[in-house]
């Protein structure tokens, strides 16, 4: 990420802070173990068919939960152009609307 990059209408540091806040929110659920997996998927909404990175977060033991969210990462000729949340995606053949 370059210093002047803007993602989701936020400068680089505000964007990274918002991602940290999202991941930290899972720690607040007091699960003993949290597993985060990323997989390739596709947007089913406004960027239909475009590549997205889907994150699946699972909490285990004291608190059981599964949460999914996705980001559309736009890269052109190896240069990062934009990153933004995808709220309508496909996973394992089922459509999901992100929170």
Protein backbone atom coordinates (compact mmCIF):
# COMPACT_ATOMS: atom_id res chain seq x y z
CA UNK A 1 0.00 0.00 0.00
CA UNK A 2 1.29 3.40 -0.91
CA UNK A 3 0.92 6.37 1.43
CA UNK A 4 -1.59 8.13 -0.82
CA UNK A 5 -3.88 5.11 -1.29
CA UNK A 6 -7.54 5.54 -0.36
CA UNK A 7 -9.74 2.50 0.32
CA UNK A 8 -13.44 2.71 1.19
CA UNK A 9 -13.03 6.50 1.19
CA UNK A 10 -10.46 6.20 4.02
CA UNK A 11 -6.76 6.92 3.94
CA UNK A 12 -4.45 3.95 4.33
CA UNK A 13 -4.17 4.24 8.11
CA UNK A 14 -7.90 4.66 8.77
CA UNK A 15 -8.63 1.71 6.47
CA UNK A 16 -6.11 -0.52 8.28
CA UNK A 17 -7.50 0.62 11.64
CA UNK A 18 -11.02 -0.35 10.52
CA UNK A 19 -9.77 -3.82 9.52
CA UNK A 20 -8.01 -4.19 12.88
CA UNK A 21 -11.23 -3.17 14.65
CA UNK A 22 -13.16 -5.83 12.72
CA UNK A 23 -10.67 -8.59 13.62
CA UNK A 24 -10.44 -7.38 17.24
CA UNK A 25 -14.24 -7.65 17.54
CA UNK A 26 -13.85 -11.44 17.32
CA UNK A 27 -11.51 -11.44 20.32
CA UNK A 28 -14.28 -9.74 22.32
CA UNK A 29 -16.48 -12.82 21.85
CA UNK A 30 -14.27 -14.66 24.37
CA UNK A 31 -13.82 -17.81 22.31
CA UNK A 32 -10.87 -19.89 23.50
CA UNK A 33 -9.70 -20.48 19.94
CA UNK A 34 -10.35 -18.39 16.82
CA UNK A 35 -9.58 -19.73 13.35
CA UNK A 36 -9.46 -17.40 10.32
CA UNK A 37 -9.37 -18.80 6.80
CA UNK A 38 -9.30 -16.90 3.53
CA UNK A 39 -10.52 -18.28 0.24
CA UNK A 40 -11.24 -17.04 -3.25
CA UNK A 41 -14.85 -16.40 -4.15
CA UNK A 42 -16.90 -14.11 -6.38
CA UNK A 43 -19.19 -11.15 -5.91
CA UNK A 44 -22.86 -11.79 -6.59
CA UNK A 45 -23.96 -8.13 -6.37
CA UNK A 46 -22.75 -4.83 -7.78
CA UNK A 47 -19.43 -6.28 -9.00
CA UNK A 48 -21.04 -9.50 -10.24
CA UNK A 49 -18.54 -12.24 -10.98
CA UNK A 50 -15.50 -10.23 -9.89
CA UNK A 51 -12.87 -11.85 -7.70
CA UNK A 52 -13.17 -11.35 -3.94
CA UNK A 53 -11.28 -12.66 -0.95
CA UNK A 54 -13.70 -14.30 1.49
CA UNK A 55 -12.73 -14.52 5.17
CA UNK A 56 -14.31 -17.18 7.36
CA UNK A 57 -13.86 -16.69 11.10
CA UNK A 58 -14.77 -19.45 13.53
CA UNK A 59 -14.69 -19.34 17.30
CA UNK A 60 -14.44 -22.54 19.33
CA UNK A 61 -14.88 -23.90 22.84
CA UNK A 62 -16.49 -21.46 25.31
CA UNK A 63 -18.16 -19.51 22.49
CA UNK A 64 -19.06 -21.10 19.16
CA UNK A 65 -19.61 -18.81 16.19
CA UNK A 66 -19.00 -18.47 12.47
CA UNK A 67 -18.77 -15.13 10.73
CA UNK A 68 -18.02 -14.40 7.08
CA UNK A 69 -17.01 -11.22 5.32
CA UNK A 70 -15.35 -10.41 2.01
CA UNK A 71 -13.22 -7.78 0.32
CA UNK A 72 -12.96 -6.97 -3.36
CA UNK A 73 -9.27 -6.39 -4.07
CA UNK A 74 -8.75 -4.60 -7.36
CA UNK A 75 -5.28 -5.07 -8.86
CA UNK A 76 -4.20 -4.02 -12.35
CA UNK A 77 -0.81 -5.03 -13.77
CA UNK A 78 0.42 -5.86 -10.28
CA UNK A 79 -0.59 -2.48 -8.84
CA UNK A 80 -3.13 -2.33 -6.01
CA UNK A 81 -5.91 0.05 -7.10
CA UNK A 82 -8.66 -0.37 -4.51
CA UNK A 83 -9.99 -2.50 -1.68
CA UNK A 84 -13.58 -2.43 -0.51
CA UNK A 85 -16.07 -4.63 1.31
CA UNK A 86 -18.26 -7.00 -0.64
CA UNK A 87 -21.60 -7.53 1.05
CA UNK A 88 -23.14 -10.06 -1.32
CA UNK A 89 -21.05 -13.11 -2.08
CA UNK A 90 -21.16 -16.81 -2.86
CA UNK A 91 -19.70 -19.47 -0.60
CA UNK A 92 -20.00 -23.23 -1.08
CA UNK A 93 -22.82 -22.77 -3.58
CA UNK A 94 -24.92 -20.61 -1.24
CA UNK A 95 -25.44 -16.87 -1.41
CA UNK A 96 -24.53 -14.90 1.68
CA UNK A 97 -25.23 -11.33 2.57
CA UNK A 98 -22.40 -9.95 4.71
CA UNK A 99 -23.09 -8.04 7.89
